[in-house]
Every structure is written in structure tokens, then in C-alpha cells.
Amino acid sequence: VCEPDPAAWAWQRHTHAIARRSGRTLTAAQEALLLHE
């Protein structure tokens, strides 16, 4: 909660964990497209 943006802090850790577990890293653009589309 002392971070400038707690959501960004958590999202970064979440996407890194998902990338490690899945073996593939999405770009920020790909993440946004996945979330939206």
C-alpha cells in the first residue's frame, strides 16, 4: 500500500508468475489484447 500503484505492483508479480508457469511471456500489448478481446 506504500507503493505508488499497488495494482501495478501486484499485476507485475502476477504476470511474471504466469509467465514462469506457462513458459511464455506476453508483451504488455498482448496482455491488454487478451484481457480486452
PDB file of all heavy atoms in Angstrom:
ATOM      1  N   VAL A   1       0.815  -1.218   0.000  1.00  0.00           N
ATOM      2  CA  VAL A   1       0.000   0.000   0.000  1.00  0.00           C
ATOM      3  C   VAL A   1       0.849   1.269   0.000  1.00  0.00           C
ATOM      4  O   VAL A   1       0.335   2.353  -0.265  1.00  0.00           O
ATOM      5  CB  VAL A   1      -1.017   0.043   1.166  1.00  0.00           C
ATOM      6  CG1 VAL A   1      -2.041  -1.051   1.005  1.00  0.00           C
ATOM      7  CG2 VAL A   1      -0.341  -0.022   2.505  1.00  0.00           C
ATOM      8  N   CYS A   2       2.127   1.134   0.258  1.00  0.00           N
ATOM      9  CA  CYS A   2       3.040   2.287   0.180  1.00  0.00           C
ATOM     10  C   CYS A   2       3.605   2.479  -1.223  1.00  0.00           C
ATOM     11  O   CYS A   2       4.278   3.479  -1.498  1.00  0.00           O
ATOM     12  CB  CYS A   2       4.177   2.128   1.188  1.00  0.00           C
ATOM     13  SG  CYS A   2       3.616   2.261   2.891  1.00  0.00           S
ATOM     14  N   GLU A   3       3.366   1.536  -2.099  1.00  0.00           N
ATOM     15  CA  GLU A   3       3.814   1.644  -3.490  1.00  0.00           C
ATOM     16  C   GLU A   3       3.029   2.748  -4.196  1.00  0.00           C
ATOM     17  O   GLU A   3       1.879   3.006  -3.839  1.00  0.00           O
ATOM     18  CB  GLU A   3       3.573   0.318  -4.229  1.00  0.00           C
ATOM     19  CG  GLU A   3       4.479  -0.796  -3.804  1.00  0.00           C
ATOM     20  CD  GLU A   3       5.910  -0.575  -4.233  1.00  0.00           C
ATOM     21  OE1 GLU A   3       6.148  -0.089  -5.361  1.00  0.00           O
ATOM     22  OE2 GLU A   3       6.795  -0.896  -3.434  1.00  0.00           O
ATOM     23  N   PRO A   4       3.624   3.364  -5.232  1.00  0.00           N
ATOM     24  CA  PRO A   4       2.888   4.384  -5.990  1.00  0.00           C
ATOM     25  C   PRO A   4       1.571   3.841  -6.559  1.00  0.00           C
ATOM     26  O   PRO A   4       0.575   4.550  -6.604  1.00  0.00           O
ATOM     27  CB  PRO A   4       3.842   4.777  -7.113  1.00  0.00           C
ATOM     28  CG  PRO A   4       5.191   4.404  -6.613  1.00  0.00           C
ATOM     29  CD  PRO A   4       4.992   3.219  -5.708  1.00  0.00           C
ATOM     30  N   ASP A   5       1.562   2.582  -6.996  1.00  0.00           N
ATOM     31  CA  ASP A   5       0.342   1.956  -7.501  1.00  0.00           C
ATOM     32  C   ASP A   5       0.334   0.482  -7.099  1.00  0.00           C
ATOM     33  O   ASP A   5       0.983  -0.345  -7.748  1.00  0.00           O
ATOM     34  CB  ASP A   5       0.249   2.092  -9.014  1.00  0.00           C
ATOM     35  CG  ASP A   5      -1.136   1.732  -9.522  1.00  0.00           C
ATOM     36  OD1 ASP A   5      -1.811   0.870  -8.921  1.00  0.00           O
ATOM     37  OD2 ASP A   5      -1.554   2.328 -10.522  1.00  0.00           O
ATOM     38  N   PRO A   6      -0.381   0.146  -6.032  1.00  0.00           N
ATOM     39  CA  PRO A   6      -0.423  -1.251  -5.575  1.00  0.00           C
ATOM     40  C   PRO A   6      -0.897  -2.227  -6.649  1.00  0.00           C
ATOM     41  O   PRO A   6      -0.409  -3.359  -6.719  1.00  0.00           O
ATOM     42  CB  PRO A   6      -1.391  -1.216  -4.390  1.00  0.00           C
ATOM     43  CG  PRO A   6      -1.284   0.178  -3.876  1.00  0.00           C
ATOM     44  CD  PRO A   6      -1.096   1.031  -5.108  1.00  0.00           C
ATOM     45  N   ALA A   7      -1.824  -1.798  -7.495  1.00  0.00           N
ATOM     46  CA  ALA A   7      -2.312  -2.689  -8.554  1.00  0.00           C
ATOM     47  C   ALA A   7      -1.198  -3.028  -9.538  1.00  0.00           C
ATOM     48  O   ALA A   7      -1.074  -4.173  -9.974  1.00  0.00           O
ATOM     49  CB  ALA A   7      -3.492  -2.057  -9.284  1.00  0.00           C
ATOM     50  N   ALA A   8      -0.381  -2.052  -9.894  1.00  0.00           N
ATOM     51  CA  ALA A   8       0.741  -2.310 -10.806  1.00  0.00           C
ATOM     52  C   ALA A   8       1.743  -3.256 -10.164  1.00  0.00           C
ATOM     53  O   ALA A   8       2.282  -4.148 -10.832  1.00  0.00           O
ATOM     54  CB  ALA A   8       1.411  -0.992 -11.206  1.00  0.00           C
ATOM     55  N   TRP A   9       2.008  -3.071  -8.880  1.00  0.00           N
ATOM     56  CA  TRP A   9       2.936  -3.943  -8.144  1.00  0.00           C
ATOM     57  C   TRP A   9       2.440  -5.388  -8.208  1.00  0.00           C
ATOM     58  O   TRP A   9       3.200  -6.303  -8.541  1.00  0.00           O
ATOM     59  CB  TRP A   9       3.030  -3.474  -6.696  1.00  0.00           C
ATOM     60  CG  TRP A   9       4.019  -4.183  -5.856  1.00  0.00           C
ATOM     61  CD1 TRP A   9       5.308  -3.809  -5.615  1.00  0.00           C
ATOM     62  CD2 TRP A   9       3.824  -5.395  -5.089  1.00  0.00           C
ATOM     63  NE1 TRP A   9       5.917  -4.706  -4.766  1.00  0.00           N
ATOM     64  CE2 TRP A   9       5.031  -5.688  -4.431  1.00  0.00           C
ATOM     65  CE3 TRP A   9       2.747  -6.255  -4.910  1.00  0.00           C
ATOM     66  CZ2 TRP A   9       5.190  -6.805  -3.616  1.00  0.00           C
ATOM     67  CZ3 TRP A   9       2.901  -7.374  -4.098  1.00  0.00           C
ATOM     68  CH2 TRP A   9       4.112  -7.631  -3.464  1.00  0.00           C
ATOM     69  N   ALA A  10       1.178  -5.596  -7.890  1.00  0.00           N
ATOM     70  CA  ALA A  10       0.617  -6.949  -7.877  1.00  0.00           C
ATOM     71  C   ALA A  10       0.531  -7.537  -9.286  1.00  0.00           C
ATOM     72  O   ALA A  10       0.855  -8.712  -9.495  1.00  0.00           O
ATOM     73  CB  ALA A  10      -0.758  -6.935  -7.214  1.00  0.00           C
ATOM     74  N   TRP A  11       0.111  -6.722 -10.265  1.00  0.00           N
ATOM     75  CA  TRP A  11      -0.021  -7.225 -11.637  1.00  0.00           C
ATOM     76  C   TRP A  11       1.331  -7.682 -12.181  1.00  0.00           C
ATOM     77  O   TRP A  11       1.414  -8.713 -12.831  1.00  0.00           O
ATOM     78  CB  TRP A  11      -0.632  -6.163 -12.539  1.00  0.00           C
ATOM     79  CG  TRP A  11      -0.843  -6.682 -13.933  1.00  0.00           C
ATOM     80  CD1 TRP A  11      -0.131  -6.369 -15.045  1.00  0.00           C
ATOM     81  CD2 TRP A  11      -1.826  -7.642 -14.345  1.00  0.00           C
ATOM     82  NE1 TRP A  11      -0.609  -7.064 -16.127  1.00  0.00           N
ATOM     83  CE2 TRP A  11      -1.649  -7.856 -15.730  1.00  0.00           C
ATOM     84  CE3 TRP A  11      -2.838  -8.335 -13.678  1.00  0.00           C
ATOM     85  CZ2 TRP A  11      -2.448  -8.732 -16.450  1.00  0.00           C
ATOM     86  CZ3 TRP A  11      -3.633  -9.210 -14.411  1.00  0.00           C
ATOM     87  CH2 TRP A  11      -3.433  -9.401 -15.777  1.00  0.00           C
ATOM     88  N   GLN A  12       2.375  -6.924 -11.912  1.00  0.00           N
ATOM     89  CA  GLN A  12       3.701  -7.299 -12.394  1.00  0.00           C
ATOM     90  C   GLN A  12       4.102  -8.660 -11.827  1.00  0.00           C
ATOM     91  O   GLN A  12       4.599  -9.522 -12.555  1.00  0.00           O
ATOM     92  CB  GLN A  12       4.730  -6.249 -12.008  1.00  0.00           C
ATOM     93  CG  GLN A  12       6.125  -6.602 -12.478  1.00  0.00           C
ATOM     94  CD  GLN A  12       7.162  -5.606 -12.002  1.00  0.00           C
ATOM     95  OE1 GLN A  12       7.020  -4.989 -10.947  1.00  0.00           O
ATOM     96  NE2 GLN A  12       8.207  -5.451 -12.785  1.00  0.00           N
ATOM     97  N   ARG A  13       3.887  -8.877 -10.557  1.00  0.00           N
ATOM     98  CA  ARG A  13       4.237 -10.159  -9.944  1.00  0.00           C
ATOM     99  C   ARG A  13       3.365 -11.285 -10.477  1.00  0.00           C
ATOM    100  O   ARG A  13       3.824 -12.399 -10.688  1.00  0.00           O
ATOM    101  CB  ARG A  13       4.170 -10.061  -8.428  1.00  0.00           C
ATOM    102  CG  ARG A  13       5.466  -9.448  -7.893  1.00  0.00           C
ATOM    103  CD  ARG A  13       5.233  -8.468  -6.773  1.00  0.00           C
ATOM    104  NE  ARG A  13       6.491  -7.785  -6.443  1.00  0.00           N
ATOM    105  CZ  ARG A  13       6.881  -6.655  -6.999  1.00  0.00           C
ATOM    106  NH1 ARG A  13       6.157  -6.090  -7.928  1.00  0.00           N
ATOM    107  NH2 ARG A  13       8.010  -6.080  -6.643  1.00  0.00           N
ATOM    108  N   HIS A  14       2.089 -10.972 -10.712  1.00  0.00           N
ATOM    109  CA  HIS A  14       1.166 -11.981 -11.240  1.00  0.00           C
ATOM    110  C   HIS A  14       1.586 -12.419 -12.641  1.00  0.00           C
ATOM    111  O   HIS A  14       1.687 -13.619 -12.916  1.00  0.00           O
ATOM    112  CB  HIS A  14      -0.251 -11.416 -11.257  1.00  0.00           C
ATOM    113  CG  HIS A  14      -1.294 -12.380 -11.689  1.00  0.00           C
ATOM    114  ND1 HIS A  14      -1.460 -13.617 -11.119  1.00  0.00           N
ATOM    115  CD2 HIS A  14      -2.258 -12.287 -12.649  1.00  0.00           C
ATOM    116  CE1 HIS A  14      -2.466 -14.246 -11.703  1.00  0.00           C
ATOM    117  NE2 HIS A  14      -2.955 -13.467 -12.638  1.00  0.00           N
ATOM    118  N   THR A  15       1.847 -11.460 -13.526  1.00  0.00           N
ATOM    119  CA  THR A  15       2.205 -11.821 -14.895  1.00  0.00           C
ATOM    120  C   THR A  15       3.562 -12.520 -14.963  1.00  0.00           C
ATOM    121  O   THR A  15       3.738 -13.414 -15.799  1.00  0.00           O
ATOM    122  CB  THR A  15       2.180 -10.594 -15.826  1.00  0.00           C
ATOM    123  OG1 THR A  15       3.048  -9.578 -15.310  1.00  0.00           O
ATOM    124  CG2 THR A  15       0.764 -10.046 -15.968  1.00  0.00           C
ATOM    125  N   HIS A  16       4.482 -12.160 -14.079  1.00  0.00           N
ATOM    126  CA  HIS A  16       5.767 -12.865 -14.050  1.00  0.00           C
ATOM    127  C   HIS A  16       5.581 -14.307 -13.605  1.00  0.00           C
ATOM    128  O   HIS A  16       6.202 -15.225 -14.161  1.00  0.00           O
ATOM    129  CB  HIS A  16       6.770 -12.147 -13.149  1.00  0.00           C
ATOM    130  CG  HIS A  16       7.296 -10.889 -13.747  1.00  0.00           C
ATOM    131  ND1 HIS A  16       8.241 -10.108 -13.141  1.00  0.00           N
ATOM    132  CD2 HIS A  16       7.010 -10.238 -14.904  1.00  0.00           C
ATOM    133  CE1 HIS A  16       8.512  -9.067 -13.888  1.00  0.00           C
ATOM    134  NE2 HIS A  16       7.764  -9.122 -14.961  1.00  0.00           N
ATOM    135  N   ALA A  17       4.731 -14.523 -12.612  1.00  0.00           N
ATOM    136  CA  ALA A  17       4.465 -15.890 -12.142  1.00  0.00           C
ATOM    137  C   ALA A  17       3.774 -16.711 -13.232  1.00  0.00           C
ATOM    138  O   ALA A  17       4.117 -17.877 -13.445  1.00  0.00           O
ATOM    139  CB  ALA A  17       3.614 -15.859 -10.877  1.00  0.00           C
ATOM    140  N   ILE A  18       2.826 -16.105 -13.920  1.00  0.00           N
ATOM    141  CA  ILE A  18       2.130 -16.806 -15.010  1.00  0.00           C
ATOM    142  C   ILE A  18       3.122 -17.144 -16.123  1.00  0.00           C
ATOM    143  O   ILE A  18       3.107 -18.252 -16.677  1.00  0.00           O
ATOM    144  CB  ILE A  18       0.964 -15.958 -15.556  1.00  0.00           C
ATOM    145  CG1 ILE A  18      -0.082 -15.689 -14.479  1.00  0.00           C
ATOM    146  CG2 ILE A  18       0.332 -16.607 -16.780  1.00  0.00           C
ATOM    147  CD1 ILE A  18      -0.747 -16.892 -13.885  1.00  0.00           C
ATOM    148  N   ALA A  19       3.996 -16.221 -16.454  1.00  0.00           N
ATOM    149  CA  ALA A  19       4.999 -16.469 -17.495  1.00  0.00           C
ATOM    150  C   ALA A  19       5.916 -17.621 -17.098  1.00  0.00           C
ATOM    151  O   ALA A  19       6.232 -18.479 -17.925  1.00  0.00           O
ATOM    152  CB  ALA A  19       5.811 -15.200 -17.759  1.00  0.00           C
ATOM    153  N   ARG A  20       6.344 -17.639 -15.850  1.00  0.00           N
ATOM    154  CA  ARG A  20       7.199 -18.734 -15.379  1.00  0.00           C
ATOM    155  C   ARG A  20       6.477 -20.072 -15.468  1.00  0.00           C
ATOM    156  O   ARG A  20       7.031 -21.064 -15.923  1.00  0.00           O
ATOM    157  CB  ARG A  20       7.622 -18.495 -13.928  1.00  0.00           C
ATOM    158  CG  ARG A  20       8.992 -17.948 -13.745  1.00  0.00           C
ATOM    159  CD  ARG A  20       9.485 -17.973 -12.307  1.00  0.00           C
ATOM    160  NE  ARG A  20       8.490 -17.827 -11.271  1.00  0.00           N
ATOM    161  CZ  ARG A  20       8.032 -16.675 -10.783  1.00  0.00           C
ATOM    162  NH1 ARG A  20       8.468 -15.540 -11.274  1.00  0.00           N
ATOM    163  NH2 ARG A  20       7.142 -16.654  -9.819  1.00  0.00           N
ATOM    164  N   ARG A  21       5.243 -20.087 -15.038  1.00  0.00           N
ATOM    165  CA  ARG A  21       4.476 -21.342 -15.018  1.00  0.00           C
ATOM    166  C   ARG A  21       4.092 -21.804 -16.423  1.00  0.00           C
ATOM    167  O   ARG A  21       4.030 -23.002 -16.680  1.00  0.00           O
ATOM    168  CB  ARG A  21       3.221 -21.185 -14.167  1.00  0.00           C
ATOM    169  CG  ARG A  21       3.499 -21.126 -12.686  1.00  0.00           C
ATOM    170  CD  ARG A  21       2.208 -20.917 -11.890  1.00  0.00           C
ATOM    171  NE  ARG A  21       2.449 -20.917 -10.474  1.00  0.00           N
ATOM    172  CZ  ARG A  21       2.474 -21.999  -9.703  1.00  0.00           C
ATOM    173  NH1 ARG A  21       2.264 -23.187 -10.227  1.00  0.00           N
ATOM    174  NH2 ARG A  21       2.706 -21.905  -8.416  1.00  0.00           N
ATOM    175  N   SER A  22       3.820 -20.862 -17.326  1.00  0.00           N
ATOM    176  CA  SER A  22       3.376 -21.243 -18.672  1.00  0.00           C
ATOM    177  C   SER A  22       4.528 -21.441 -19.643  1.00  0.00           C
ATOM    178  O   SER A  22       4.354 -22.057 -20.687  1.00  0.00           O
ATOM    179  CB  SER A  22       2.428 -20.178 -19.231  1.00  0.00           C
ATOM    180  OG  SER A  22       3.132 -18.985 -19.508  1.00  0.00           O
ATOM    181  N   GLY A  23       5.675 -20.854 -19.331  1.00  0.00           N
ATOM    182  CA  GLY A  23       6.807 -20.956 -20.230  1.00  0.00           C
ATOM    183  C   GLY A  23       6.768 -19.955 -21.370  1.00  0.00           C
ATOM    184  O   GLY A  23       7.537 -20.064 -22.323  1.00  0.00           O
ATOM    185  N   ARG A  24       5.860 -18.979 -21.303  1.00  0.00           N
ATOM    186  CA  ARG A  24       5.806 -17.949 -22.345  1.00  0.00           C
ATOM    187  C   ARG A  24       5.468 -16.599 -21.713  1.00  0.00           C
ATOM    188  O   ARG A  24       4.680 -16.510 -20.786  1.00  0.00           O
ATOM    189  CB  ARG A  24       4.812 -18.303 -23.434  1.00  0.00           C
ATOM    190  CG  ARG A  24       3.388 -18.326 -22.979  1.00  0.00           C
ATOM    191  CD  ARG A  24       2.457 -18.633 -24.138  1.00  0.00           C
ATOM    192  NE  ARG A  24       1.111 -18.329 -23.739  1.00  0.00           N
ATOM    193  CZ  ARG A  24       0.188 -19.231 -23.478  1.00  0.00           C
ATOM    194  NH1 ARG A  24       0.465 -20.506 -23.608  1.00  0.00           N
ATOM    195  NH2 ARG A  24      -1.023 -18.869 -23.127  1.00  0.00           N
ATOM    196  N   THR A  25       6.096 -15.586 -22.241  1.00  0.00           N
ATOM    197  CA  THR A  25       5.907 -14.229 -21.740  1.00  0.00           C
ATOM    198  C   THR A  25       5.144 -13.417 -22.774  1.00  0.00           C
ATOM    199  O   THR A  25       5.536 -13.381 -23.949  1.00  0.00           O
ATOM    200  CB  THR A  25       7.273 -13.559 -21.469  1.00  0.00           C
ATOM    201  OG1 THR A  25       7.991 -14.359 -20.534  1.00  0.00           O
ATOM    202  CG2 THR A  25       7.099 -12.163 -20.914  1.00  0.00           C
ATOM    203  N   LEU A  26       4.071 -12.785 -22.337  1.00  0.00           N
ATOM    204  CA  LEU A  26       3.311 -11.910 -23.221  1.00  0.00           C
ATOM    205  C   LEU A  26       3.813 -10.481 -23.071  1.00  0.00           C
ATOM    206  O   LEU A  26       4.218 -10.072 -21.982  1.00  0.00           O
ATOM    207  CB  LEU A  26       1.823 -11.955 -22.864  1.00  0.00           C
ATOM    208  CG  LEU A  26       1.118 -13.305 -22.942  1.00  0.00           C
ATOM    209  CD1 LEU A  26      -0.356 -13.157 -22.570  1.00  0.00           C
ATOM    210  CD2 LEU A  26       1.258 -13.912 -24.328  1.00  0.00           C
ATOM    211  N   THR A  27       3.768  -9.734 -24.152  1.00  0.00           N
ATOM    212  CA  THR A  27       4.084  -8.312 -24.070  1.00  0.00           C
ATOM    213  C   THR A  27       2.912  -7.600 -23.399  1.00  0.00           C
ATOM    214  O   THR A  27       1.812  -8.160 -23.280  1.00  0.00           O
ATOM    215  CB  THR A  27       4.301  -7.711 -25.471  1.00  0.00           C
ATOM    216  OG1 THR A  27       3.051  -7.749 -26.177  1.00  0.00           O
ATOM    217  CG2 THR A  27       5.383  -8.455 -26.242  1.00  0.00           C
ATOM    218  N   ALA A  28       3.133  -6.361 -23.009  1.00  0.00           N
ATOM    219  CA  ALA A  28       2.048  -5.570 -22.409  1.00  0.00           C
ATOM    220  C   ALA A  28       0.890  -5.424 -23.396  1.00  0.00           C
ATOM    221  O   ALA A  28      -0.280  -5.470 -23.005  1.00  0.00           O
ATOM    222  CB  ALA A  28       2.570  -4.214 -21.969  1.00  0.00           C
ATOM    223  N   ALA A  29       1.198  -5.287 -24.676  1.00  0.00           N
ATOM    224  CA  ALA A  29       0.157  -5.172 -25.698  1.00  0.00           C
ATOM    225  C   ALA A  29      -0.632  -6.478 -25.815  1.00  0.00           C
ATOM    226  O   ALA A  29      -1.866  -6.462 -25.929  1.00  0.00           O
ATOM    227  CB  ALA A  29       0.770  -4.788 -27.041  1.00  0.00           C
ATOM    228  N   GLN A  30       0.061  -7.602 -25.794  1.00  0.00           N
ATOM    229  CA  GLN A  30      -0.625  -8.889 -25.850  1.00  0.00           C
ATOM    230  C   GLN A  30      -1.492  -9.115 -24.612  1.00  0.00           C
ATOM    231  O   GLN A  30      -2.597  -9.638 -24.717  1.00  0.00           O
ATOM    232  CB  GLN A  30       0.389 -10.024 -25.990  1.00  0.00           C
ATOM    233  CG  GLN A  30       1.051 -10.073 -27.347  1.00  0.00           C
ATOM    234  CD  GLN A  30       2.194 -11.070 -27.391  1.00  0.00           C
ATOM    235  OE1 GLN A  30       2.935 -11.238 -26.417  1.00  0.00           O
ATOM    236  NE2 GLN A  30       2.352 -11.725 -28.525  1.00  0.00           N
ATOM    237  N   GLU A  31      -0.983  -8.724 -23.447  1.00  0.00           N
ATOM    238  CA  GLU A  31      -1.776  -8.844 -22.215  1.00  0.00           C
ATOM    239  C   GLU A  31      -3.055  -8.019 -22.331  1.00  0.00           C
ATOM    240  O   GLU A  31      -4.142  -8.501 -22.004  1.00  0.00           O
ATOM    241  CB  GLU A  31      -0.987  -8.343 -21.008  1.00  0.00           C
ATOM    242  CG  GLU A  31       0.117  -9.242 -20.560  1.00  0.00           C
ATOM    243  CD  GLU A  31       0.953  -8.609 -19.452  1.00  0.00           C
ATOM    244  OE1 GLU A  31       0.604  -7.514 -18.955  1.00  0.00           O
ATOM    245  OE2 GLU A  31       1.965  -9.216 -19.085  1.00  0.00           O
ATOM    246  N   ALA A  32      -2.921  -6.775 -22.795  1.00  0.00           N
ATOM    247  CA  ALA A  32      -4.089  -5.901 -22.929  1.00  0.00           C
ATOM    248  C   ALA A  32      -5.093  -6.494 -23.911  1.00  0.00           C
ATOM    249  O   ALA A  32      -6.305  -6.487 -23.653  1.00  0.00           O
ATOM    250  CB  ALA A  32      -3.655  -4.513 -23.380  1.00  0.00           C
ATOM    251  N   LEU A  33      -4.605  -7.031 -25.018  1.00  0.00           N
ATOM    252  CA  LEU A  33      -5.491  -7.633 -26.012  1.00  0.00           C
ATOM    253  C   LEU A  33      -6.190  -8.865 -25.444  1.00  0.00           C
ATOM    254  O   LEU A  33      -7.396  -9.045 -25.651  1.00  0.00           O
ATOM    255  CB  LEU A  33      -4.694  -7.989 -27.269  1.00  0.00           C
ATOM    256  CG  LEU A  33      -5.514  -8.311 -28.515  1.00  0.00           C
ATOM    257  CD1 LEU A  33      -6.323  -7.091 -28.950  1.00  0.00           C
ATOM    258  CD2 LEU A  33      -4.603  -8.750 -29.642  1.00  0.00           C
ATOM    259  N   LEU A  34      -5.470  -9.685 -24.728  1.00  0.00           N
ATOM    260  CA  LEU A  34      -6.070 -10.858 -24.094  1.00  0.00           C
ATOM    261  C   LEU A  34      -7.155 -10.435 -23.103  1.00  0.00           C
ATOM    262  O   LEU A  34      -8.269 -10.976 -23.111  1.00  0.00           O
ATOM    263  CB  LEU A  34      -4.989 -11.693 -23.385  1.00  0.00           C
ATOM    264  CG  LEU A  34      -5.473 -12.881 -22.554  1.00  0.00           C
ATOM    265  CD1 LEU A  34      -6.116 -13.932 -23.444  1.00  0.00           C
ATOM    266  CD2 LEU A  34      -4.333 -13.479 -21.779  1.00  0.00           C
ATOM    267  N   LEU A  35      -6.836  -9.471 -22.260  1.00  0.00           N
ATOM    268  CA  LEU A  35      -7.808  -9.004 -21.270  1.00  0.00           C
ATOM    269  C   LEU A  35      -9.044  -8.400 -21.929  1.00  0.00           C
ATOM    270  O   LEU A  35     -10.170  -8.613 -21.475  1.00  0.00           O
ATOM    271  CB  LEU A  35      -7.158  -7.979 -20.334  1.00  0.00           C
ATOM    272  CG  LEU A  35      -6.100  -8.523 -19.379  1.00  0.00           C
ATOM    273  CD1 LEU A  35      -5.302  -7.383 -18.758  1.00  0.00           C
ATOM    274  CD2 LEU A  35      -6.731  -9.392 -18.307  1.00  0.00           C
ATOM    275  N   HIS A  36      -8.843  -7.682 -23.026  1.00  0.00           N
ATOM    276  CA  HIS A  36      -9.957  -6.994 -23.691  1.00  0.00           C
ATOM    277  C   HIS A  36     -10.744  -7.912 -24.623  1.00  0.00           C
ATOM    278  O   HIS A  36     -11.968  -7.991 -24.532  1.00  0.00           O
ATOM    279  CB  HIS A  36      -9.424  -5.784 -24.450  1.00  0.00           C
ATOM    280  CG  HIS A  36     -10.494  -4.892 -24.968  1.00  0.00           C
ATOM    281  ND1 HIS A  36     -11.348  -4.184 -24.153  1.00  0.00           N
ATOM    282  CD2 HIS A  36     -10.856  -4.572 -26.240  1.00  0.00           C
ATOM    283  CE1 HIS A  36     -12.181  -3.477 -24.893  1.00  0.00           C
ATOM    284  NE2 HIS A  36     -11.902  -3.698 -26.165  1.00  0.00           N
ATOM    285  N   GLU A  37     -10.035  -8.599 -25.509  1.00  0.00           N
ATOM    286  CA  GLU A  37     -10.704  -9.398 -26.548  1.00  0.00           C
ATOM    287  C   GLU A  37     -11.186 -10.766 -26.056  1.00  0.00           C
ATOM    288  O   GLU A  37     -12.280 -11.189 -26.402  1.00  0.00           O
ATOM    289  CB  GLU A  37      -9.768  -9.593 -27.752  1.00  0.00           C
ATOM    290  CG  GLU A  37      -9.356  -8.304 -28.430  1.00  0.00           C
ATOM    291  CD  GLU A  37     -10.499  -7.598 -29.127  1.00  0.00           C
ATOM    292  OE1 GLU A  37     -11.407  -8.273 -29.627  1.00  0.00           O
ATOM    293  OE2 GLU A  37     -10.471  -6.357 -29.169  1.00  0.00           O
TER     294      GLU A  37
END
